[in-house]
Amino acid sequence: MAGQIIAIGGGGFGRNPKEPIIEDYIVKTASSKKPKVTFFPTASAENKDYIVNFYNAFSRLDCTFNHISLFQNTPNLDLIIDESDIIYIGGGNTKSMLSVFREWKLDQLLIKSYNDGKLLCGVSAGAICWFEKGITDSWEGDLRMLDCLNILPGVCCPHYDGEVKRKPSVKKFIKNNQASSILCIEDGAAIHYEGKNIKKAISFYPNKNVYDVSMADGSLIENSINKIDISK
């Protein structure tokens, strides 16, 4: 049985650790009654404040939790992944993160964990990494399209309403035939997949959306994905 993926466009415990709304949804989605959450803060270069926010948020929920370092003494990753119910990938530099994952063969372990039915999730870099390609600011300057783990089909763009370069870049990529459509997730929204299929979009900040974005006659067409609102 294939796993589930929850990709978050922006926000969550990194900004609001005392209000773990989407995190509560994630914990309650897991098949285990008291799931074990494993956090990889690799993309942020294991930023200490970010890690503290993770513990502050998940300590409020009915789960067990820990974080894994790939820059200090790294534990047995096969065992860590095998014992985890939920794997959460943090935000930051996607290209650097994926390079480190591949060096540790964590990319293969994540794909295997998905095929084993685990729940994978993450924000920003941790959202786009699951797709065939993602739109990233890993390089200074313009946004680029990056090959990712290819668990989910298509191209994903986070921070769709949160960063001024996002919409123009999405339009450019589609206009240049680099993608026929792009899944765009606003800050405060997430998309939930079961297997390869979209189950629902989630708004955990008021009035936030996920769009399937394409172009017609030179204009962007934003088709919103059916969502539930858990922001209240």
C-alpha atoms as a PDB file:
ATOM      1  CA  MET A   1       0.000   0.000   0.000  1.00  0.00           C
ATOM      2  CA  ALA A   2       1.438   3.359  -1.046  1.00  0.00           C
ATOM      3  CA  GLY A   3       1.852   6.029   1.580  1.00  0.00           C
ATOM      4  CA  GLN A   4       0.469   9.494   2.059  1.00  0.00           C
ATOM      5  CA  ILE A   5       2.121  12.862   1.486  1.00  0.00           C
ATOM      6  CA  ILE A   6       1.149  16.235   2.974  1.00  0.00           C
ATOM      7  CA  ALA A   7       2.971  19.117   1.294  1.00  0.00           C
ATOM      8  CA  ILE A   8       2.793  22.523   3.009  1.00  0.00           C
ATOM      9  CA  GLY A   9       3.306  25.736   1.029  1.00  0.00           C
ATOM     10  CA  GLY A  10       4.607  27.798   3.943  1.00  0.00           C
ATOM     11  CA  GLY A  11       3.919  28.576   7.579  1.00  0.00           C
ATOM     12  CA  GLY A  12       3.377  26.073  10.344  1.00  0.00           C
ATOM     13  CA  PHE A  13       5.627  25.517  13.349  1.00  0.00           C
ATOM     14  CA  GLY A  14       8.538  27.467  11.889  1.00  0.00           C
ATOM     15  CA  ARG A  15       6.467  30.638  12.299  1.00  0.00           C
ATOM     16  CA  ASN A  16       3.835  29.674  14.869  1.00  0.00           C
ATOM     17  CA  PRO A  17       5.089  26.877  17.147  1.00  0.00           C
ATOM     18  CA  LYS A  18       2.413  27.621  19.759  1.00  0.00           C
ATOM     19  CA  GLU A  19      -0.395  27.035  17.240  1.00  0.00           C
ATOM     20  CA  PRO A  20       0.406  23.680  15.592  1.00  0.00           C
ATOM     21  CA  ILE A  21      -2.732  23.498  13.449  1.00  0.00           C
ATOM     22  CA  ILE A  22      -1.434  21.704  10.362  1.00  0.00           C
ATOM     23  CA  GLU A  23       0.856  19.638  12.576  1.00  0.00           C
ATOM     24  CA  ASP A  24      -2.170  18.400  14.533  1.00  0.00           C
ATOM     25  CA  TYR A  25      -3.820  17.419  11.244  1.00  0.00           C
ATOM     26  CA  ILE A  26      -0.671  15.507  10.269  1.00  0.00           C
ATOM     27  CA  VAL A  27      -0.467  13.640  13.585  1.00  0.00           C
ATOM     28  CA  LYS A  28      -4.147  12.693  13.427  1.00  0.00           C
ATOM     29  CA  THR A  29      -3.736  11.443   9.845  1.00  0.00           C
ATOM     30  CA  ALA A  30      -1.140   8.833  10.813  1.00  0.00           C
ATOM     31  CA  SER A  31      -2.287   5.235  11.169  1.00  0.00           C
ATOM     32  CA  SER A  32      -0.679   4.884  14.611  1.00  0.00           C
ATOM     33  CA  LYS A  33      -2.565   6.022  17.722  1.00  0.00           C
ATOM     34  CA  LYS A  34       0.537   7.790  19.112  1.00  0.00           C
ATOM     35  CA  PRO A  35       2.754   8.180  16.037  1.00  0.00           C
ATOM     36  CA  LYS A  36       6.487   8.714  16.051  1.00  0.00           C
ATOM     37  CA  VAL A  37       7.485  11.873  14.147  1.00  0.00           C
ATOM     38  CA  THR A  38      11.009  12.207  12.764  1.00  0.00           C
ATOM     39  CA  PHE A  39      12.140  15.661  11.648  1.00  0.00           C
ATOM     40  CA  PHE A  40      14.942  16.361   9.177  1.00  0.00           C
ATOM     41  CA  PRO A  41      16.001  20.062   9.426  1.00  0.00           C
ATOM     42  CA  THR A  42      18.676  19.510   6.764  1.00  0.00           C
ATOM     43  CA  ALA A  43      17.562  22.223   4.313  1.00  0.00           C
ATOM     44  CA  SER A  44      17.965  24.931   6.971  1.00  0.00           C
ATOM     45  CA  ALA A  45      21.490  23.670   7.779  1.00  0.00           C
ATOM     46  CA  GLU A  46      19.947  22.333  11.000  1.00  0.00           C
ATOM     47  CA  ASN A  47      19.083  25.790  12.307  1.00  0.00           C
ATOM     48  CA  LYS A  48      18.840  25.568  16.101  1.00  0.00           C
ATOM     49  CA  ASP A  49      15.880  27.932  16.479  1.00  0.00           C
ATOM     50  CA  TYR A  50      13.979  25.951  13.862  1.00  0.00           C
ATOM     51  CA  ILE A  51      14.641  22.721  15.754  1.00  0.00           C
ATOM     52  CA  VAL A  52      13.462  24.304  19.024  1.00  0.00           C
ATOM     53  CA  ASN A  53      10.250  25.391  17.276  1.00  0.00           C
ATOM     54  CA  PHE A  54       9.720  21.815  16.102  1.00  0.00           C
ATOM     55  CA  TYR A  55       9.926  20.518  19.672  1.00  0.00           C
ATOM     56  CA  ASN A  56       7.698  23.326  20.981  1.00  0.00           C
ATOM     57  CA  ALA A  57       5.010  22.506  18.434  1.00  0.00           C
ATOM     58  CA  PHE A  58       4.984  18.715  18.532  1.00  0.00           C
ATOM     59  CA  SER A  59       5.228  18.569  22.331  1.00  0.00           C
ATOM     60  CA  ARG A  60       1.668  19.937  22.316  1.00  0.00           C
ATOM     61  CA  LEU A  61       0.404  16.964  20.293  1.00  0.00           C
ATOM     62  CA  ASP A  62      -0.264  13.290  21.008  1.00  0.00           C
ATOM     63  CA  CYS A  63       2.902  11.846  19.500  1.00  0.00           C
ATOM     64  CA  THR A  64       6.541  11.057  20.134  1.00  0.00           C
ATOM     65  CA  PHE A  65       9.146  13.042  18.204  1.00  0.00           C
ATOM     66  CA  ASN A  66      12.820  13.605  17.506  1.00  0.00           C
ATOM     67  CA  HIS A  67      15.083  15.251  14.958  1.00  0.00           C
ATOM     68  CA  ILE A  68      17.944  13.766  12.975  1.00  0.00           C
ATOM     69  CA  SER A  69      21.262  15.424  12.174  1.00  0.00           C
ATOM     70  CA  LEU A  70      23.080  14.687   8.947  1.00  0.00           C
ATOM     71  CA  PHE A  71      25.929  17.053   9.820  1.00  0.00           C
ATOM     72  CA  GLN A  72      26.945  15.696  13.220  1.00  0.00           C
ATOM     73  CA  ASN A  73      27.041  12.053  14.344  1.00  0.00           C
ATOM     74  CA  THR A  74      24.313  10.572  12.181  1.00  0.00           C
ATOM     75  CA  PRO A  75      22.473   7.506  13.520  1.00  0.00           C
ATOM     76  CA  ASN A  76      21.444   4.403  11.583  1.00  0.00           C
ATOM     77  CA  LEU A  77      19.039   5.937   9.063  1.00  0.00           C
ATOM     78  CA  ASP A  78      17.548   2.612   7.975  1.00  0.00           C
ATOM     79  CA  LEU A  79      16.476   1.945  11.553  1.00  0.00           C
ATOM     80  CA  ILE A  80      15.281   5.536  12.118  1.00  0.00           C
ATOM     81  CA  ILE A  81      13.063   5.491   9.036  1.00  0.00           C
ATOM     82  CA  ASP A  82      11.783   1.997   9.792  1.00  0.00           C
ATOM     83  CA  GLU A  83      10.705   3.049  13.301  1.00  0.00           C
ATOM     84  CA  SER A  84       9.058   6.301  12.186  1.00  0.00           C
ATOM     85  CA  ASP A  85       5.365   6.713  11.429  1.00  0.00           C
ATOM     86  CA  ILE A  86       5.674  10.300  10.150  1.00  0.00           C
ATOM     87  CA  ILE A  87       8.706  11.805   8.406  1.00  0.00           C
ATOM     88  CA  TYR A  88       8.730  15.612   8.336  1.00  0.00           C
ATOM     89  CA  ILE A  89      11.166  17.480   6.059  1.00  0.00           C
ATOM     90  CA  GLY A  90      11.848  21.106   6.941  1.00  0.00           C
ATOM     91  CA  GLY A  91      12.285  24.141   4.727  1.00  0.00           C
ATOM     92  CA  GLY A  92      15.411  25.816   3.390  1.00  0.00           C
ATOM     93  CA  ASN A  93      17.759  25.157   0.469  1.00  0.00           C
ATOM     94  CA  THR A  94      16.207  22.307  -1.541  1.00  0.00           C
ATOM     95  CA  LYS A  95      19.188  21.640  -3.821  1.00  0.00           C
ATOM     96  CA  SER A  96      21.650  21.363  -0.946  1.00  0.00           C
ATOM     97  CA  MET A  97      19.227  19.227   1.065  1.00  0.00           C
ATOM     98  CA  LEU A  98      18.677  16.748  -1.771  1.00  0.00           C
ATOM     99  CA  SER A  99      22.424  16.497  -2.358  1.00  0.00           C
ATOM    100  CA  VAL A 100      22.968  15.569   1.290  1.00  0.00           C
ATOM    101  CA  PHE A 101      20.037  13.125   1.202  1.00  0.00           C
ATOM    102  CA  ARG A 102      21.535  11.385  -1.834  1.00  0.00           C
ATOM    103  CA  GLU A 103      24.976  11.179  -0.236  1.00  0.00           C
ATOM    104  CA  TRP A 104      23.428   9.400   2.766  1.00  0.00           C
ATOM    105  CA  LYS A 105      21.088   7.371   0.476  1.00  0.00           C
ATOM    106  CA  LEU A 106      18.217   8.882   2.433  1.00  0.00           C
ATOM    107  CA  ASP A 107      16.444   9.598  -0.861  1.00  0.00           C
ATOM    108  CA  GLN A 108      16.134   5.848  -1.445  1.00  0.00           C
ATOM    109  CA  LEU A 109      14.953   5.268   2.129  1.00  0.00           C
ATOM    110  CA  LEU A 110      12.260   7.938   1.749  1.00  0.00           C
ATOM    111  CA  ILE A 111      10.978   6.390  -1.468  1.00  0.00           C
ATOM    112  CA  LYS A 112      10.929   2.971   0.192  1.00  0.00           C
ATOM    113  CA  SER A 113       9.106   4.375   3.236  1.00  0.00           C
ATOM    114  CA  TYR A 114       6.432   5.814   0.944  1.00  0.00           C
ATOM    115  CA  ASN A 115       6.008   2.457  -0.773  1.00  0.00           C
ATOM    116  CA  ASP A 116       5.753   0.865   2.687  1.00  0.00           C
ATOM    117  CA  GLY A 117       2.788   3.103   3.518  1.00  0.00           C
ATOM    118  CA  LYS A 118       4.335   5.740   5.774  1.00  0.00           C
ATOM    119  CA  LEU A 119       3.210   9.370   6.043  1.00  0.00           C
ATOM    120  CA  LEU A 120       5.657  11.836   4.493  1.00  0.00           C
ATOM    121  CA  CYS A 121       5.271  15.572   4.893  1.00  0.00           C
ATOM    122  CA  GLY A 122       7.106  18.842   4.947  1.00  0.00           C
ATOM    123  CA  VAL A 123       7.073  22.550   4.247  1.00  0.00           C
ATOM    124  CA  SER A 124       8.610  24.557   1.390  1.00  0.00           C
ATOM    125  CA  ALA A 125      11.715  22.496   0.467  1.00  0.00           C
ATOM    126  CA  GLY A 126      10.030  19.676   2.368  1.00  0.00           C
ATOM    127  CA  ALA A 127       6.910  20.124   0.210  1.00  0.00           C
ATOM    128  CA  ILE A 128       8.428  20.238  -3.267  1.00  0.00           C
ATOM    129  CA  CYS A 129      10.985  17.479  -2.667  1.00  0.00           C
ATOM    130  CA  TRP A 130       8.343  14.763  -3.148  1.00  0.00           C
ATOM    131  CA  PHE A 131       7.420  15.863  -6.677  1.00  0.00           C
ATOM    132  CA  GLU A 132       9.004  15.213 -10.045  1.00  0.00           C
ATOM    133  CA  LYS A 133      10.198  18.818 -10.046  1.00  0.00           C
ATOM    134  CA  GLY A 134       9.950  21.827  -7.751  1.00  0.00           C
ATOM    135  CA  ILE A 135      10.317  25.580  -8.113  1.00  0.00           C
ATOM    136  CA  THR A 136      13.057  26.733  -5.765  1.00  0.00           C
ATOM    137  CA  ASP A 137      15.094  29.747  -4.677  1.00  0.00           C
ATOM    138  CA  SER A 138      18.100  27.547  -3.838  1.00  0.00           C
ATOM    139  CA  TRP A 139      20.179  29.724  -6.172  1.00  0.00           C
ATOM    140  CA  GLU A 140      20.585  33.443  -5.590  1.00  0.00           C
ATOM    141  CA  GLY A 141      18.588  35.477  -8.087  1.00  0.00           C
ATOM    142  CA  ASP A 142      15.791  34.056 -10.217  1.00  0.00           C
ATOM    143  CA  LEU A 143      13.776  31.008  -9.241  1.00  0.00           C
ATOM    144  CA  ARG A 144      14.646  27.759 -10.996  1.00  0.00           C
ATOM    145  CA  MET A 145      13.010  24.408 -11.632  1.00  0.00           C
ATOM    146  CA  LEU A 146      14.800  21.547  -9.860  1.00  0.00           C
ATOM    147  CA  ASP A 147      14.598  17.764 -10.278  1.00  0.00           C
ATOM    148  CA  CYS A 148      13.306  16.238  -7.040  1.00  0.00           C
ATOM    149  CA  LEU A 149      12.475  12.755  -5.691  1.00  0.00           C
ATOM    150  CA  ASN A 150       9.788  12.008  -8.313  1.00  0.00           C
ATOM    151  CA  ILE A 151       7.441  10.230  -5.911  1.00  0.00           C
ATOM    152  CA  LEU A 152       4.559  12.448  -7.033  1.00  0.00           C
ATOM    153  CA  PRO A 153       4.029  13.523 -10.655  1.00  0.00           C
ATOM    154  CA  GLY A 154       4.307  17.092 -11.879  1.00  0.00           C
ATOM    155  CA  VAL A 155       5.802  20.357 -10.687  1.00  0.00           C
ATOM    156  CA  CYS A 156       5.140  22.038  -7.324  1.00  0.00           C
ATOM    157  CA  CYS A 157       5.636  25.648  -6.242  1.00  0.00           C
ATOM    158  CA  PRO A 158       5.413  26.690  -2.550  1.00  0.00           C
ATOM    159  CA  HIS A 159       4.952  30.229  -1.164  1.00  0.00           C
ATOM    160  CA  TYR A 160       2.700  31.045  -4.110  1.00  0.00           C
ATOM    161  CA  ASP A 161       1.247  34.139  -2.441  1.00  0.00           C
ATOM    162  CA  GLY A 162       4.088  34.752   0.001  1.00  0.00           C
ATOM    163  CA  GLU A 163       6.959  35.757  -2.288  1.00  0.00           C
ATOM    164  CA  VAL A 164       6.708  38.294  -5.107  1.00  0.00           C
ATOM    165  CA  LYS A 165       8.743  36.279  -7.636  1.00  0.00           C
ATOM    166  CA  ARG A 166       6.566  33.173  -7.443  1.00  0.00           C
ATOM    167  CA  LYS A 167       3.652  34.025  -9.761  1.00  0.00           C
ATOM    168  CA  PRO A 168       5.817  35.616 -12.492  1.00  0.00           C
ATOM    169  CA  SER A 169       8.139  32.601 -12.401  1.00  0.00           C
ATOM    170  CA  VAL A 170       5.240  30.152 -12.650  1.00  0.00           C
ATOM    171  CA  LYS A 171       3.957  32.075 -15.671  1.00  0.00           C
ATOM    172  CA  LYS A 172       7.425  32.051 -17.276  1.00  0.00           C
ATOM    173  CA  PHE A 173       7.930  28.311 -16.795  1.00  0.00           C
ATOM    174  CA  ILE A 174       4.543  27.486 -18.318  1.00  0.00           C
ATOM    175  CA  LYS A 175       4.938  30.009 -21.164  1.00  0.00           C
ATOM    176  CA  ASN A 176       8.367  28.515 -21.995  1.00  0.00           C
ATOM    177  CA  ASN A 177       6.820  25.008 -22.105  1.00  0.00           C
ATOM    178  CA  GLN A 178       8.870  23.816 -19.136  1.00  0.00           C
ATOM    179  CA  ALA A 179       5.586  22.626 -17.618  1.00  0.00           C
ATOM    180  CA  SER A 180       2.013  22.459 -18.888  1.00  0.00           C
ATOM    181  CA  SER A 181       0.678  23.127 -15.392  1.00  0.00           C
ATOM    182  CA  ILE A 182       2.107  23.704 -11.904  1.00  0.00           C
ATOM    183  CA  LEU A 183       0.658  22.867  -8.501  1.00  0.00           C
ATOM    184  CA  CYS A 184       0.940  26.105  -6.498  1.00  0.00           C
ATOM    185  CA  ILE A 185       0.514  26.131  -2.720  1.00  0.00           C
ATOM    186  CA  GLU A 186      -0.051  29.340  -0.789  1.00  0.00           C
ATOM    187  CA  ASP A 187       1.474  30.007   2.627  1.00  0.00           C
ATOM    188  CA  GLY A 188      -0.999  28.629   5.161  1.00  0.00           C
ATOM    189  CA  ALA A 189      -2.215  25.914   2.794  1.00  0.00           C
ATOM    190  CA  ALA A 190      -1.276  22.300   2.156  1.00  0.00           C
ATOM    191  CA  ILE A 191      -2.111  19.480  -0.232  1.00  0.00           C
ATOM    192  CA  HIS A 192      -2.816  15.932   0.954  1.00  0.00           C
ATOM    193  CA  TYR A 193      -2.102  12.972  -1.334  1.00  0.00           C
ATOM    194  CA  GLU A 194      -3.099   9.349  -0.858  1.00  0.00           C
ATOM    195  CA  GLY A 195      -0.878   7.371  -3.166  1.00  0.00           C
ATOM    196  CA  LYS A 196      -0.527   9.429  -6.349  1.00  0.00           C
ATOM    197  CA  ASN A 197      -3.990  10.947  -6.009  1.00  0.00           C
ATOM    198  CA  ILE A 198      -4.974  14.264  -4.432  1.00  0.00           C
ATOM    199  CA  LYS A 199      -7.262  13.674  -1.464  1.00  0.00           C
ATOM    200  CA  LYS A 200      -7.865  17.315  -0.536  1.00  0.00           C
ATOM    201  CA  ALA A 201      -6.322  20.737  -0.088  1.00  0.00           C
ATOM    202  CA  ILE A 202      -6.118  22.123   3.436  1.00  0.00           C
ATOM    203  CA  SER A 203      -6.388  25.742   4.561  1.00  0.00           C
ATOM    204  CA  PHE A 204      -4.837  26.177   8.003  1.00  0.00           C
ATOM    205  CA  TYR A 205      -4.645  29.967   7.756  1.00  0.00           C
ATOM    206  CA  PRO A 206      -7.850  31.794   6.718  1.00  0.00           C
ATOM    207  CA  ASN A 207      -8.634  31.977   2.993  1.00  0.00           C
ATOM    208  CA  LYS A 208      -5.581  30.082   1.759  1.00  0.00           C
ATOM    209  CA  ASN A 209      -5.644  27.853  -1.313  1.00  0.00           C
ATOM    210  CA  VAL A 210      -3.875  25.360  -3.524  1.00  0.00           C
ATOM    211  CA  TYR A 211      -4.128  25.901  -7.277  1.00  0.00           C
ATOM    212  CA  ASP A 212      -3.564  23.884 -10.408  1.00  0.00           C
ATOM    213  CA  VAL A 213      -2.109  26.686 -12.519  1.00  0.00           C
ATOM    214  CA  SER A 214      -2.006  26.652 -16.319  1.00  0.00           C
ATOM    215  CA  MET A 215      -2.169  29.242 -19.111  1.00  0.00           C
ATOM    216  CA  ALA A 216      -4.686  30.189 -21.785  1.00  0.00           C
ATOM    217  CA  ASP A 217      -4.332  33.064 -24.253  1.00  0.00           C
ATOM    218  CA  GLY A 218      -1.304  34.393 -22.374  1.00  0.00           C
ATOM    219  CA  SER A 219      -3.061  34.585 -19.000  1.00  0.00           C
ATOM    220  CA  LEU A 220      -2.622  32.420 -15.918  1.00  0.00           C
ATOM    221  CA  ILE A 221      -5.580  30.190 -15.077  1.00  0.00           C
ATOM    222  CA  GLU A 222      -5.789  29.291 -11.391  1.00  0.00           C
ATOM    223  CA  ASN A 223      -8.073  26.333 -10.694  1.00  0.00           C
ATOM    224  CA  SER A 224      -8.428  25.905  -6.938  1.00  0.00           C
ATOM    225  CA  ILE A 225      -8.301  22.400  -5.455  1.00  0.00           C
ATOM    226  CA  ASN A 226     -11.249  21.409  -3.250  1.00  0.00           C
ATOM    227  CA  LYS A 227     -10.257  22.157   0.316  1.00  0.00           C
ATOM    228  CA  ILE A 228     -11.165  21.864   3.949  1.00  0.00           C
ATOM    229  CA  ASP A 229     -10.655  24.832   6.287  1.00  0.00           C
ATOM    230  CA  ILE A 230      -9.072  23.937   9.634  1.00  0.00           C
ATOM    231  CA  SER A 231      -7.952  27.477  10.465  1.00  0.00           C
ATOM    232  CA  LYS A 232     -10.779  28.170  12.933  1.00  0.00           C
END
